[in-house]
Amino acid sequence: LCFLLGSIFYFRLSFLDLVWMKYVRDHVPESLADEDDDKIWSQWAAEHNAADMLEVRDDYYEQYELFLKLGVTAFAVMGFSEVYRECSRANLILLMAGLAGMVGAHCSTDQIAAYWSCVSVHLFLMSCYKLDSKLFKAGCILECMLSYFLLAGYTGLWIAFADMIASLLWLYCALQEVSAVCEFSLKSFGKDGSSTHGEIFIEMMYSLINVSTFKMKRA
């Protein structure tokens, strides 16, 4: 369940980035787009009577911060639940990936946040070495490649679009996992007709908590 929620939040983040980058390309001067100082943006908006641009920017940052914190929290909780279930090397790396993401989400500057994001996605890639899903691995590899461009200061629609593709791969993988867990739980508890609906629901919720490693191979 945490895997699914985190993937949904990150997909929403990538969509926000894509919309914002398109807005910046169409309405914001290139010299201003590279500035990260609120005072410079406010001064430019006052000089050019562009208060609506500041409203769009503030709305973007508010939504981005919200969904980023929700996403990293979901993945951190997933890491804790996996370590509690089985204290393996892959699960410990998964937990560190979630915690690195949380640190990055609370950084004061975009550059420091980019460093922690880079660490987080590389740890996610290391944690999935036993995972059957090629989609999740592909998403992690793409995110790792994008993290290098972000560290180098590159921005643009193509980066936002590539990030959305990576997030979509994660989301599709999460939906597959949830579907598989639900099917497994229903077959296990419903085939003999002796289990109540409450028991089936409890088992499904327990399985969904650990959905991220449902298809993990034994080392």
N, C-alpha and C. Protein backbone atom coordinates (compact mmCIF):
# COMPACT_ATOMS: atom_id res chain seq x y z
N LEU A 1 0.83 -1.20 0.00
CA LEU A 1 0.00 0.00 0.00
C LEU A 1 0.87 1.26 0.00
N CYS A 2 1.94 1.25 0.81
CA CYS A 2 2.84 2.40 0.85
C CYS A 2 3.53 2.61 -0.49
N PHE A 3 3.89 1.50 -1.14
CA PHE A 3 4.51 1.57 -2.45
C PHE A 3 3.57 2.24 -3.46
N LEU A 4 2.30 1.85 -3.41
CA LEU A 4 1.31 2.43 -4.32
C LEU A 4 1.11 3.92 -4.03
N LEU A 5 0.94 4.27 -2.76
CA LEU A 5 0.72 5.67 -2.39
C LEU A 5 1.93 6.53 -2.77
N GLY A 6 3.13 6.04 -2.43
CA GLY A 6 4.33 6.79 -2.77
C GLY A 6 4.48 6.99 -4.27
N SER A 7 4.16 5.97 -5.06
CA SER A 7 4.25 6.07 -6.51
C SER A 7 3.24 7.07 -7.06
N ILE A 8 2.04 7.09 -6.48
CA ILE A 8 1.02 8.05 -6.90
C ILE A 8 1.48 9.47 -6.62
N PHE A 9 2.03 9.69 -5.42
CA PHE A 9 2.49 11.04 -5.05
C PHE A 9 3.64 11.50 -5.95
N TYR A 10 4.57 10.59 -6.26
CA TYR A 10 5.69 10.97 -7.11
C TYR A 10 5.26 11.21 -8.56
N PHE A 11 4.27 10.46 -9.01
CA PHE A 11 3.75 10.72 -10.35
C PHE A 11 3.09 12.10 -10.40
N ARG A 12 2.39 12.45 -9.32
CA ARG A 12 1.78 13.78 -9.25
C ARG A 12 2.87 14.86 -9.25
N LEU A 13 3.98 14.61 -8.56
CA LEU A 13 5.10 15.55 -8.55
C LEU A 13 5.66 15.76 -9.95
N SER A 14 5.86 14.67 -10.67
CA SER A 14 6.42 14.78 -12.01
C SER A 14 5.48 15.52 -12.94
N PHE A 15 4.17 15.33 -12.75
CA PHE A 15 3.20 16.06 -13.57
C PHE A 15 3.23 17.55 -13.24
N LEU A 16 3.36 17.89 -11.95
CA LEU A 16 3.49 19.29 -11.55
C LEU A 16 4.72 19.93 -12.18
N ASP A 17 5.84 19.19 -12.17
CA ASP A 17 7.07 19.70 -12.78
C ASP A 17 6.89 19.98 -14.27
N LEU A 18 6.22 19.05 -14.95
CA LEU A 18 6.02 19.21 -16.38
C LEU A 18 5.18 20.44 -16.69
N VAL A 19 4.10 20.63 -15.93
CA VAL A 19 3.23 21.79 -16.13
C VAL A 19 3.98 23.09 -15.83
N TRP A 20 4.77 23.09 -14.74
CA TRP A 20 5.51 24.29 -14.36
C TRP A 20 6.58 24.63 -15.39
N MET A 21 7.30 23.63 -15.87
CA MET A 21 8.33 23.88 -16.87
C MET A 21 7.74 24.44 -18.16
N LYS A 22 6.57 23.95 -18.53
CA LYS A 22 5.91 24.48 -19.72
C LYS A 22 5.49 25.94 -19.50
N TYR A 23 5.01 26.24 -18.29
CA TYR A 23 4.63 27.61 -17.97
C TYR A 23 5.85 28.53 -18.00
N VAL A 24 6.96 28.06 -17.43
CA VAL A 24 8.19 28.86 -17.41
C VAL A 24 8.68 29.13 -18.83
N ARG A 25 8.62 28.12 -19.68
CA ARG A 25 9.07 28.29 -21.07
C ARG A 25 8.24 29.34 -21.81
N ASP A 26 6.93 29.38 -21.52
CA ASP A 26 6.03 30.25 -22.27
C ASP A 26 5.89 31.65 -21.67
N HIS A 27 6.14 31.81 -20.34
CA HIS A 27 5.82 33.08 -19.70
C HIS A 27 6.96 33.73 -18.93
N VAL A 28 8.03 33.00 -18.67
CA VAL A 28 9.10 33.52 -17.81
C VAL A 28 10.37 33.73 -18.61
N PRO A 29 11.02 34.89 -18.50
CA PRO A 29 12.29 35.12 -19.20
C PRO A 29 13.36 34.14 -18.72
N GLU A 30 14.24 33.78 -19.61
CA GLU A 30 15.27 32.79 -19.28
C GLU A 30 16.17 33.26 -18.16
N SER A 31 16.46 34.56 -18.11
CA SER A 31 17.33 35.10 -17.06
C SER A 31 16.67 35.00 -15.69
N LEU A 32 15.36 35.09 -15.65
CA LEU A 32 14.64 35.00 -14.38
C LEU A 32 14.39 33.56 -13.97
N ALA A 33 14.21 32.70 -14.94
CA ALA A 33 13.87 31.30 -14.65
C ALA A 33 14.96 30.60 -13.85
N ASP A 34 16.22 31.02 -14.03
CA ASP A 34 17.34 30.39 -13.33
C ASP A 34 17.54 30.91 -11.92
N GLU A 35 16.81 31.97 -11.55
CA GLU A 35 16.95 32.56 -10.22
C GLU A 35 16.11 31.79 -9.20
N ASP A 36 16.69 31.62 -8.00
CA ASP A 36 15.99 30.91 -6.93
C ASP A 36 15.66 31.82 -5.75
N ASP A 37 15.85 33.13 -5.95
CA ASP A 37 15.63 34.11 -4.89
C ASP A 37 14.24 34.71 -5.03
N ASP A 38 13.42 34.60 -3.97
CA ASP A 38 12.06 35.12 -4.01
C ASP A 38 12.03 36.63 -4.22
N LYS A 39 13.02 37.33 -3.68
CA LYS A 39 13.05 38.79 -3.81
C LYS A 39 13.23 39.21 -5.27
N ILE A 40 14.07 38.48 -5.99
CA ILE A 40 14.29 38.80 -7.41
C ILE A 40 13.01 38.59 -8.21
N TRP A 41 12.31 37.49 -7.92
CA TRP A 41 11.04 37.22 -8.61
C TRP A 41 10.01 38.30 -8.29
N SER A 42 9.93 38.69 -7.01
CA SER A 42 8.95 39.70 -6.60
C SER A 42 9.27 41.05 -7.24
N GLN A 43 10.54 41.39 -7.30
CA GLN A 43 10.94 42.67 -7.90
C GLN A 43 10.61 42.69 -9.39
N TRP A 44 10.90 41.59 -10.08
CA TRP A 44 10.62 41.52 -11.51
C TRP A 44 9.11 41.59 -11.77
N ALA A 45 8.33 40.89 -10.94
CA ALA A 45 6.88 40.90 -11.12
C ALA A 45 6.29 42.29 -10.88
N ALA A 46 6.85 43.01 -9.90
CA ALA A 46 6.36 44.36 -9.62
C ALA A 46 6.69 45.31 -10.76
N GLU A 47 7.87 45.16 -11.35
CA GLU A 47 8.28 46.04 -12.44
C GLU A 47 7.50 45.77 -13.73
N HIS A 48 7.05 44.53 -13.91
CA HIS A 48 6.37 44.16 -15.16
C HIS A 48 4.89 43.87 -14.96
N ASN A 49 4.36 44.23 -13.77
CA ASN A 49 2.93 44.03 -13.49
C ASN A 49 2.51 42.58 -13.74
N ALA A 50 3.24 41.65 -13.13
CA ALA A 50 3.01 40.22 -13.35
C ALA A 50 2.75 39.50 -12.03
N ALA A 51 1.80 40.04 -11.27
CA ALA A 51 1.48 39.42 -9.98
C ALA A 51 0.91 38.02 -10.15
N ASP A 52 0.22 37.79 -11.27
CA ASP A 52 -0.35 36.47 -11.49
C ASP A 52 0.73 35.40 -11.64
N MET A 53 1.90 35.79 -12.15
CA MET A 53 3.00 34.85 -12.28
C MET A 53 3.50 34.38 -10.91
N LEU A 54 3.55 35.30 -9.96
CA LEU A 54 3.95 34.93 -8.60
C LEU A 54 2.95 33.99 -7.96
N GLU A 55 1.67 34.19 -8.25
CA GLU A 55 0.64 33.31 -7.70
C GLU A 55 0.80 31.89 -8.25
N VAL A 56 1.07 31.79 -9.54
CA VAL A 56 1.29 30.47 -10.15
C VAL A 56 2.52 29.80 -9.54
N ARG A 57 3.59 30.58 -9.35
CA ARG A 57 4.83 30.04 -8.78
C ARG A 57 4.61 29.58 -7.34
N ASP A 58 3.93 30.39 -6.55
CA ASP A 58 3.67 30.03 -5.15
C ASP A 58 2.79 28.78 -5.06
N ASP A 59 1.80 28.69 -5.94
CA ASP A 59 0.92 27.52 -5.95
C ASP A 59 1.69 26.27 -6.33
N TYR A 60 2.61 26.41 -7.28
CA TYR A 60 3.43 25.27 -7.69
C TYR A 60 4.29 24.78 -6.53
N TYR A 61 4.98 25.70 -5.84
CA TYR A 61 5.86 25.30 -4.74
C TYR A 61 5.08 24.72 -3.57
N GLU A 62 3.89 25.23 -3.29
CA GLU A 62 3.08 24.70 -2.20
C GLU A 62 2.66 23.26 -2.49
N GLN A 63 2.17 23.04 -3.70
CA GLN A 63 1.75 21.69 -4.07
C GLN A 63 2.95 20.75 -4.14
N TYR A 64 4.06 21.24 -4.68
CA TYR A 64 5.25 20.40 -4.81
C TYR A 64 5.74 19.95 -3.43
N GLU A 65 5.81 20.88 -2.50
CA GLU A 65 6.28 20.55 -1.15
C GLU A 65 5.35 19.54 -0.47
N LEU A 66 4.05 19.72 -0.67
CA LEU A 66 3.07 18.82 -0.06
C LEU A 66 3.24 17.40 -0.59
N PHE A 67 3.21 17.24 -1.91
CA PHE A 67 3.28 15.90 -2.48
C PHE A 67 4.65 15.27 -2.31
N LEU A 68 5.70 16.09 -2.26
CA LEU A 68 7.03 15.55 -2.02
C LEU A 68 7.12 14.95 -0.62
N LYS A 69 6.63 15.66 0.38
CA LYS A 69 6.68 15.15 1.75
C LYS A 69 5.79 13.92 1.92
N LEU A 70 4.63 13.91 1.25
CA LEU A 70 3.77 12.74 1.31
C LEU A 70 4.45 11.54 0.66
N GLY A 71 5.11 11.78 -0.47
CA GLY A 71 5.77 10.69 -1.18
C GLY A 71 6.93 10.09 -0.41
N VAL A 72 7.81 10.94 0.12
CA VAL A 72 8.97 10.42 0.85
C VAL A 72 8.53 9.74 2.15
N THR A 73 7.47 10.25 2.76
CA THR A 73 6.96 9.62 3.98
C THR A 73 6.42 8.23 3.68
N ALA A 74 5.70 8.09 2.57
CA ALA A 74 5.16 6.79 2.19
C ALA A 74 6.27 5.77 1.96
N PHE A 75 7.34 6.19 1.27
CA PHE A 75 8.44 5.27 1.00
C PHE A 75 9.25 4.97 2.26
N ALA A 76 9.36 5.94 3.17
CA ALA A 76 10.06 5.69 4.43
C ALA A 76 9.28 4.69 5.28
N VAL A 77 7.97 4.85 5.35
CA VAL A 77 7.12 3.90 6.09
C VAL A 77 7.21 2.51 5.47
N MET A 78 7.26 2.46 4.13
CA MET A 78 7.42 1.18 3.45
C MET A 78 8.74 0.52 3.86
N GLY A 79 9.80 1.32 3.94
CA GLY A 79 11.09 0.77 4.35
C GLY A 79 11.07 0.23 5.77
N PHE A 80 10.45 0.98 6.68
CA PHE A 80 10.33 0.52 8.07
C PHE A 80 9.53 -0.78 8.15
N SER A 81 8.44 -0.86 7.42
CA SER A 81 7.60 -2.06 7.47
C SER A 81 8.32 -3.27 6.91
N GLU A 82 9.14 -3.06 5.86
CA GLU A 82 9.89 -4.18 5.29
C GLU A 82 10.98 -4.66 6.23
N VAL A 83 11.67 -3.73 6.90
CA VAL A 83 12.70 -4.12 7.86
C VAL A 83 12.07 -4.84 9.05
N TYR A 84 10.90 -4.38 9.48
CA TYR A 84 10.20 -5.04 10.59
C TYR A 84 9.78 -6.45 10.19
N ARG A 85 9.37 -6.61 8.94
CA ARG A 85 8.95 -7.94 8.46
C ARG A 85 10.14 -8.87 8.30
N GLU A 86 11.22 -8.35 7.70
CA GLU A 86 12.42 -9.16 7.47
C GLU A 86 13.63 -8.23 7.41
N CYS A 87 14.53 -8.37 8.35
CA CYS A 87 15.70 -7.49 8.43
C CYS A 87 16.79 -8.01 7.50
N SER A 88 16.57 -7.83 6.18
CA SER A 88 17.53 -8.28 5.19
C SER A 88 18.34 -7.09 4.67
N ARG A 89 19.39 -7.38 3.91
CA ARG A 89 20.22 -6.31 3.37
C ARG A 89 19.43 -5.42 2.42
N ALA A 90 18.62 -6.04 1.56
CA ALA A 90 17.84 -5.27 0.59
C ALA A 90 16.84 -4.36 1.29
N ASN A 91 16.22 -4.85 2.36
CA ASN A 91 15.23 -4.04 3.07
C ASN A 91 15.88 -2.90 3.84
N LEU A 92 17.08 -3.14 4.37
CA LEU A 92 17.80 -2.07 5.05
C LEU A 92 18.20 -0.96 4.07
N ILE A 93 18.62 -1.37 2.87
CA ILE A 93 18.94 -0.37 1.84
C ILE A 93 17.68 0.40 1.44
N LEU A 94 16.56 -0.32 1.35
CA LEU A 94 15.29 0.32 1.03
C LEU A 94 14.92 1.36 2.08
N LEU A 95 15.14 1.02 3.34
CA LEU A 95 14.86 1.97 4.42
C LEU A 95 15.75 3.19 4.32
N MET A 96 17.04 2.98 4.05
CA MET A 96 17.96 4.12 3.92
C MET A 96 17.58 5.00 2.74
N ALA A 97 17.07 4.38 1.66
CA ALA A 97 16.62 5.16 0.50
C ALA A 97 15.46 6.08 0.87
N GLY A 98 14.51 5.53 1.65
CA GLY A 98 13.38 6.35 2.09
C GLY A 98 13.80 7.47 3.01
N LEU A 99 14.74 7.18 3.92
CA LEU A 99 15.21 8.21 4.85
C LEU A 99 16.00 9.29 4.13
N ALA A 100 16.80 8.89 3.14
CA ALA A 100 17.54 9.88 2.35
C ALA A 100 16.58 10.80 1.60
N GLY A 101 15.49 10.24 1.11
CA GLY A 101 14.48 11.05 0.45
C GLY A 101 13.83 12.04 1.40
N MET A 102 13.60 11.61 2.65
CA MET A 102 13.01 12.51 3.64
C MET A 102 13.96 13.66 3.98
N VAL A 103 15.25 13.36 4.08
CA VAL A 103 16.23 14.42 4.36
C VAL A 103 16.23 15.43 3.21
N GLY A 104 16.23 14.93 1.98
CA GLY A 104 16.22 15.82 0.83
C GLY A 104 14.99 16.70 0.75
N ALA A 105 13.85 16.15 1.18
CA ALA A 105 12.60 16.91 1.12
C ALA A 105 12.58 18.07 2.10
N HIS A 106 13.43 18.03 3.13
CA HIS A 106 13.46 19.08 4.14
C HIS A 106 14.70 19.96 4.04
N CYS A 107 15.43 19.86 2.92
CA CYS A 107 16.63 20.69 2.74
C CYS A 107 16.25 22.13 2.42
N SER A 108 17.15 23.03 2.76
CA SER A 108 16.86 24.47 2.59
C SER A 108 17.11 24.96 1.17
N THR A 109 17.97 24.28 0.42
CA THR A 109 18.29 24.72 -0.94
C THR A 109 18.02 23.58 -1.93
N ASP A 110 17.78 23.95 -3.18
CA ASP A 110 17.52 22.96 -4.22
C ASP A 110 18.75 22.11 -4.52
N GLN A 111 19.93 22.69 -4.41
CA GLN A 111 21.15 21.96 -4.72
C GLN A 111 21.40 20.84 -3.71
N ILE A 112 21.23 21.15 -2.43
CA ILE A 112 21.40 20.11 -1.40
C ILE A 112 20.33 19.04 -1.54
N ALA A 113 19.10 19.47 -1.84
CA ALA A 113 18.01 18.52 -2.04
C ALA A 113 18.31 17.59 -3.22
N ALA A 114 18.95 18.14 -4.27
CA ALA A 114 19.31 17.32 -5.43
C ALA A 114 20.34 16.26 -5.06
N TYR A 115 21.28 16.60 -4.19
CA TYR A 115 22.28 15.63 -3.74
C TYR A 115 21.62 14.47 -3.00
N TRP A 116 20.72 14.79 -2.06
CA TRP A 116 20.05 13.75 -1.30
C TRP A 116 19.11 12.93 -2.17
N SER A 117 18.49 13.57 -3.14
CA SER A 117 17.64 12.84 -4.07
C SER A 117 18.45 11.85 -4.90
N CYS A 118 19.65 12.28 -5.29
CA CYS A 118 20.56 11.41 -6.04
C CYS A 118 20.93 10.19 -5.19
N VAL A 119 21.25 10.42 -3.93
CA VAL A 119 21.58 9.30 -3.02
C VAL A 119 20.39 8.37 -2.87
N SER A 120 19.20 8.94 -2.73
CA SER A 120 18.00 8.15 -2.52
C SER A 120 17.70 7.23 -3.70
N VAL A 121 17.73 7.76 -4.92
CA VAL A 121 17.37 6.94 -6.08
C VAL A 121 18.42 5.85 -6.33
N HIS A 122 19.69 6.14 -6.01
CA HIS A 122 20.71 5.10 -6.17
C HIS A 122 20.52 3.98 -5.14
N LEU A 123 20.10 4.34 -3.94
CA LEU A 123 19.81 3.32 -2.93
C LEU A 123 18.59 2.49 -3.33
N PHE A 124 17.58 3.13 -3.91
CA PHE A 124 16.42 2.38 -4.41
C PHE A 124 16.86 1.38 -5.48
N LEU A 125 17.76 1.81 -6.35
CA LEU A 125 18.25 0.91 -7.39
C LEU A 125 19.01 -0.27 -6.78
N MET A 126 19.82 0.00 -5.74
CA MET A 126 20.55 -1.09 -5.08
C MET A 126 19.60 -2.03 -4.35
N SER A 127 18.50 -1.51 -3.83
CA SER A 127 17.58 -2.35 -3.05
C SER A 127 16.77 -3.31 -3.91
N CYS A 128 16.68 -3.05 -5.22
CA CYS A 128 15.81 -3.86 -6.06
C CYS A 128 16.58 -4.91 -6.85
N TYR A 129 17.80 -5.26 -6.40
CA TYR A 129 18.57 -6.23 -7.16
C TYR A 129 17.94 -7.62 -7.13
N LYS A 130 17.07 -7.89 -6.15
CA LYS A 130 16.37 -9.18 -6.10
C LYS A 130 14.95 -9.10 -6.62
N LEU A 131 14.53 -7.93 -7.03
CA LEU A 131 13.15 -7.74 -7.44
C LEU A 131 12.92 -8.26 -8.85
N ASP A 132 11.80 -8.96 -9.03
CA ASP A 132 11.48 -9.52 -10.34
C ASP A 132 11.10 -8.45 -11.36
N SER A 133 10.49 -7.38 -10.91
CA SER A 133 9.91 -6.39 -11.81
C SER A 133 10.99 -5.62 -12.57
N LYS A 134 10.99 -5.76 -13.89
CA LYS A 134 11.92 -5.00 -14.72
C LYS A 134 11.48 -3.54 -14.83
N LEU A 135 10.19 -3.29 -14.64
CA LEU A 135 9.68 -1.92 -14.73
C LEU A 135 10.25 -1.06 -13.61
N PHE A 136 10.28 -1.61 -12.39
CA PHE A 136 10.81 -0.85 -11.27
C PHE A 136 12.30 -0.58 -11.45
N LYS A 137 13.03 -1.58 -11.93
CA LYS A 137 14.46 -1.39 -12.19
C LYS A 137 14.68 -0.33 -13.26
N ALA A 138 13.87 -0.38 -14.32
CA ALA A 138 14.00 0.61 -15.39
C ALA A 138 13.72 2.01 -14.88
N GLY A 139 12.69 2.14 -14.02
CA GLY A 139 12.37 3.43 -13.43
C GLY A 139 13.50 3.95 -12.56
N CYS A 140 14.11 3.06 -11.79
CA CYS A 140 15.23 3.46 -10.92
C CYS A 140 16.44 3.90 -11.75
N ILE A 141 16.74 3.15 -12.80
CA ILE A 141 17.89 3.51 -13.65
C ILE A 141 17.67 4.87 -14.30
N LEU A 142 16.44 5.10 -14.79
CA LEU A 142 16.13 6.39 -15.41
C LEU A 142 16.24 7.53 -14.41
N GLU A 143 15.75 7.31 -13.19
CA GLU A 143 15.85 8.33 -12.14
C GLU A 143 17.30 8.62 -11.79
N CYS A 144 18.13 7.59 -11.74
CA CYS A 144 19.56 7.79 -11.45
C CYS A 144 20.22 8.63 -12.53
N MET A 145 19.91 8.35 -13.78
CA MET A 145 20.48 9.13 -14.88
C MET A 145 20.03 10.58 -14.81
N LEU A 146 18.77 10.80 -14.50
CA LEU A 146 18.25 12.16 -14.41
C LEU A 146 18.88 12.92 -13.24
N SER A 147 19.21 12.20 -12.17
CA SER A 147 19.78 12.87 -11.00
C SER A 147 21.12 13.52 -11.33
N TYR A 148 21.88 12.94 -12.28
CA TYR A 148 23.15 13.54 -12.67
C TYR A 148 22.94 14.87 -13.39
N PHE A 149 21.92 14.92 -14.25
CA PHE A 149 21.61 16.17 -14.96
C PHE A 149 21.13 17.24 -13.98
N LEU A 150 20.34 16.83 -12.99
CA LEU A 150 19.85 17.80 -12.00
C LEU A 150 20.99 18.34 -11.15
N LEU A 151 21.94 17.47 -10.80
CA LEU A 151 23.10 17.92 -10.03
C LEU A 151 23.94 18.90 -10.84
N ALA A 152 23.96 18.71 -12.15
CA ALA A 152 24.73 19.59 -13.02
C ALA A 152 23.99 20.89 -13.33
N GLY A 153 22.77 21.00 -12.84
CA GLY A 153 22.01 22.23 -13.03
C GLY A 153 21.14 22.29 -14.26
N TYR A 154 20.98 21.16 -14.95
CA TYR A 154 20.14 21.14 -16.14
C TYR A 154 18.66 21.11 -15.76
N THR A 155 17.86 21.86 -16.47
CA THR A 155 16.41 21.85 -16.31
C THR A 155 15.78 21.91 -17.69
N GLY A 156 14.48 21.68 -17.73
CA GLY A 156 13.79 21.77 -19.01
C GLY A 156 12.66 20.78 -19.11
N LEU A 157 11.90 20.92 -20.17
CA LEU A 157 10.74 20.05 -20.37
C LEU A 157 11.15 18.60 -20.54
N TRP A 158 12.28 18.35 -21.20
CA TRP A 158 12.67 16.96 -21.45
C TRP A 158 13.01 16.23 -20.15
N ILE A 159 13.58 16.93 -19.19
CA ILE A 159 13.87 16.31 -17.91
C ILE A 159 12.58 16.01 -17.15
N ALA A 160 11.65 16.97 -17.17
CA ALA A 160 10.36 16.76 -16.51
C ALA A 160 9.60 15.61 -17.16
N PHE A 161 9.66 15.53 -18.48
CA PHE A 161 8.95 14.46 -19.19
C PHE A 161 9.58 13.10 -18.88
N ALA A 162 10.91 13.03 -18.86
CA ALA A 162 11.59 11.78 -18.53
C ALA A 162 11.30 11.35 -17.10
N ASP A 163 11.24 12.32 -16.19
CA ASP A 163 10.91 12.02 -14.80
C ASP A 163 9.50 11.48 -14.68
N MET A 164 8.58 11.99 -15.48
CA MET A 164 7.21 11.50 -15.45
C MET A 164 7.13 10.07 -15.97
N ILE A 165 7.95 9.74 -16.98
CA ILE A 165 7.99 8.37 -17.48
C ILE A 165 8.49 7.42 -16.40
N ALA A 166 9.56 7.83 -15.69
CA ALA A 166 10.10 6.99 -14.62
C ALA A 166 9.06 6.79 -13.51
N SER A 167 8.36 7.86 -13.15
CA SER A 167 7.33 7.76 -12.12
C SER A 167 6.18 6.87 -12.57
N LEU A 168 5.86 6.93 -13.87
CA LEU A 168 4.80 6.10 -14.41
C LEU A 168 5.18 4.62 -14.37
N LEU A 169 6.46 4.32 -14.60
CA LEU A 169 6.93 2.94 -14.49
C LEU A 169 6.77 2.43 -13.07
N TRP A 170 7.13 3.26 -12.09
CA TRP A 170 6.97 2.89 -10.68
C TRP A 170 5.50 2.65 -10.36
N LEU A 171 4.66 3.55 -10.83
CA LEU A 171 3.22 3.45 -10.54
C LEU A 171 2.62 2.21 -11.16
N TYR A 172 3.00 1.90 -12.39
CA TYR A 172 2.48 0.70 -13.04
C TYR A 172 2.94 -0.55 -12.31
N CYS A 173 4.19 -0.54 -11.85
CA CYS A 173 4.71 -1.66 -11.08
C CYS A 173 3.94 -1.82 -9.77
N ALA A 174 3.65 -0.70 -9.10
CA ALA A 174 2.90 -0.75 -7.84
C ALA A 174 1.50 -1.28 -8.05
N LEU A 175 0.85 -0.89 -9.13
CA LEU A 175 -0.50 -1.39 -9.43
C LEU A 175 -0.48 -2.89 -9.71
N GLN A 176 0.56 -3.35 -10.38
CA GLN A 176 0.70 -4.79 -10.61
C GLN A 176 0.87 -5.55 -9.31
N GLU A 177 1.67 -5.00 -8.40
CA GLU A 177 1.89 -5.65 -7.11
C GLU A 177 0.61 -5.72 -6.29
N VAL A 178 -0.13 -4.62 -6.26
CA VAL A 178 -1.38 -4.59 -5.50
C VAL A 178 -2.37 -5.58 -6.08
N SER A 179 -2.46 -5.63 -7.40
CA SER A 179 -3.37 -6.57 -8.05
C SER A 179 -2.99 -8.01 -7.73
N ALA A 180 -1.69 -8.31 -7.74
CA ALA A 180 -1.23 -9.66 -7.45
C ALA A 180 -1.51 -10.04 -6.00
N VAL A 181 -1.28 -9.10 -5.08
CA VAL A 181 -1.52 -9.37 -3.66
C VAL A 181 -3.00 -9.61 -3.40
N CYS A 182 -3.85 -8.79 -3.99
CA CYS A 182 -5.29 -8.96 -3.81
C CYS A 182 -5.75 -10.30 -4.34
N GLU A 183 -5.25 -10.67 -5.50
CA GLU A 183 -5.64 -11.95 -6.09
C GLU A 183 -5.17 -13.11 -5.22
N PHE A 184 -3.95 -13.02 -4.72
CA PHE A 184 -3.40 -14.07 -3.86
C PHE A 184 -4.19 -14.20 -2.57
N SER A 185 -4.54 -13.06 -1.96
CA SER A 185 -5.26 -13.07 -0.70
C SER A 185 -6.66 -13.64 -0.86
N LEU A 186 -7.32 -13.28 -1.93
CA LEU A 186 -8.66 -13.77 -2.17
C LEU A 186 -8.67 -15.27 -2.43
N LYS A 187 -7.68 -15.76 -3.18
CA LYS A 187 -7.60 -17.20 -3.44
C LYS A 187 -7.29 -17.97 -2.17
N SER A 188 -6.40 -17.41 -1.33
CA SER A 188 -5.96 -18.11 -0.13
C SER A 188 -7.07 -18.21 0.91
N PHE A 189 -7.91 -17.18 1.01
CA PHE A 189 -8.89 -17.13 2.08
C PHE A 189 -10.31 -17.40 1.60
N GLY A 190 -10.55 -17.31 0.32
CA GLY A 190 -11.93 -17.44 -0.14
C GLY A 190 -12.27 -18.74 -0.80
N LYS A 191 -11.29 -19.59 -1.03
CA LYS A 191 -11.56 -20.78 -1.83
C LYS A 191 -12.38 -21.84 -1.10
N ASP A 192 -12.24 -21.93 0.23
CA ASP A 192 -13.00 -22.95 0.94
C ASP A 192 -14.28 -22.41 1.56
N GLY A 193 -14.49 -21.08 1.47
CA GLY A 193 -15.74 -20.49 1.96
C GLY A 193 -15.84 -20.40 3.47
N SER A 194 -14.77 -20.76 4.20
CA SER A 194 -14.85 -20.76 5.66
C SER A 194 -14.44 -19.43 6.27
N SER A 195 -13.73 -18.62 5.54
CA SER A 195 -13.25 -17.35 6.07
C SER A 195 -14.31 -16.28 5.92
N THR A 196 -14.39 -15.41 6.91
CA THR A 196 -15.34 -14.31 6.86
C THR A 196 -14.76 -13.17 6.03
N HIS A 197 -15.64 -12.23 5.65
CA HIS A 197 -15.18 -11.08 4.90
C HIS A 197 -14.19 -10.24 5.72
N GLY A 198 -14.41 -10.19 7.03
CA GLY A 198 -13.50 -9.44 7.89
C GLY A 198 -12.11 -10.03 7.89
N GLU A 199 -12.03 -11.37 7.94
CA GLU A 199 -10.72 -12.03 7.92
C GLU A 199 -10.01 -11.80 6.59
N ILE A 200 -10.76 -11.86 5.50
CA ILE A 200 -10.17 -11.62 4.19
C ILE A 200 -9.63 -10.20 4.10
N PHE A 201 -10.43 -9.24 4.61
CA PHE A 201 -10.02 -7.84 4.56
C PHE A 201 -8.76 -7.61 5.39
N ILE A 202 -8.69 -8.20 6.60
CA ILE A 202 -7.51 -8.03 7.46
C ILE A 202 -6.27 -8.60 6.80
N GLU A 203 -6.39 -9.77 6.19
CA GLU A 203 -5.24 -10.38 5.54
C GLU A 203 -4.78 -9.57 4.33
N MET A 204 -5.74 -9.03 3.58
CA MET A 204 -5.39 -8.21 2.44
C MET A 204 -4.64 -6.96 2.87
N MET A 205 -5.09 -6.32 3.96
CA MET A 205 -4.41 -5.12 4.45
C MET A 205 -3.01 -5.45 4.94
N TYR A 206 -2.86 -6.60 5.60
CA TYR A 206 -1.54 -7.01 6.07
C TYR A 206 -0.60 -7.28 4.90
N SER A 207 -1.14 -7.87 3.84
CA SER A 207 -0.33 -8.16 2.66
C SER A 207 0.07 -6.89 1.93
N LEU A 208 -0.86 -5.94 1.86
CA LEU A 208 -0.60 -4.70 1.14
C LEU A 208 0.48 -3.86 1.80
N ILE A 209 0.59 -3.98 3.14
CA ILE A 209 1.65 -3.25 3.84
C ILE A 209 3.01 -3.69 3.35
N ASN A 210 3.12 -4.97 2.99
CA ASN A 210 4.39 -5.52 2.54
C ASN A 210 4.42 -5.74 1.03
N VAL A 211 3.64 -4.93 0.30
CA VAL A 211 3.44 -5.17 -1.12
C VAL A 211 4.72 -4.96 -1.92
N SER A 212 5.64 -4.14 -1.42
CA SER A 212 6.80 -3.80 -2.24
C SER A 212 7.71 -4.99 -2.50
N THR A 213 7.67 -6.02 -1.64
CA THR A 213 8.55 -7.16 -1.85
C THR A 213 7.75 -8.44 -2.05
N PHE A 214 6.55 -8.31 -2.58
CA PHE A 214 5.70 -9.49 -2.76
C PHE A 214 6.34 -10.49 -3.72
N LYS A 215 7.05 -9.97 -4.72
CA LYS A 215 7.65 -10.84 -5.72
C LYS A 215 9.16 -10.94 -5.56
N MET A 216 9.67 -10.60 -4.39
CA MET A 216 11.12 -10.69 -4.18
C MET A 216 11.55 -12.15 -4.13
N LYS A 217 12.66 -12.43 -4.76
CA LYS A 217 13.21 -13.79 -4.72
C LYS A 217 13.98 -14.02 -3.43
N ARG A 218 14.05 -15.22 -3.01
CA ARG A 218 14.89 -15.58 -1.87
C ARG A 218 16.36 -15.56 -2.29
N ALA A 219 17.19 -14.98 -1.44
CA ALA A 219 18.62 -14.91 -1.78
C ALA A 219 19.23 -16.32 -1.78
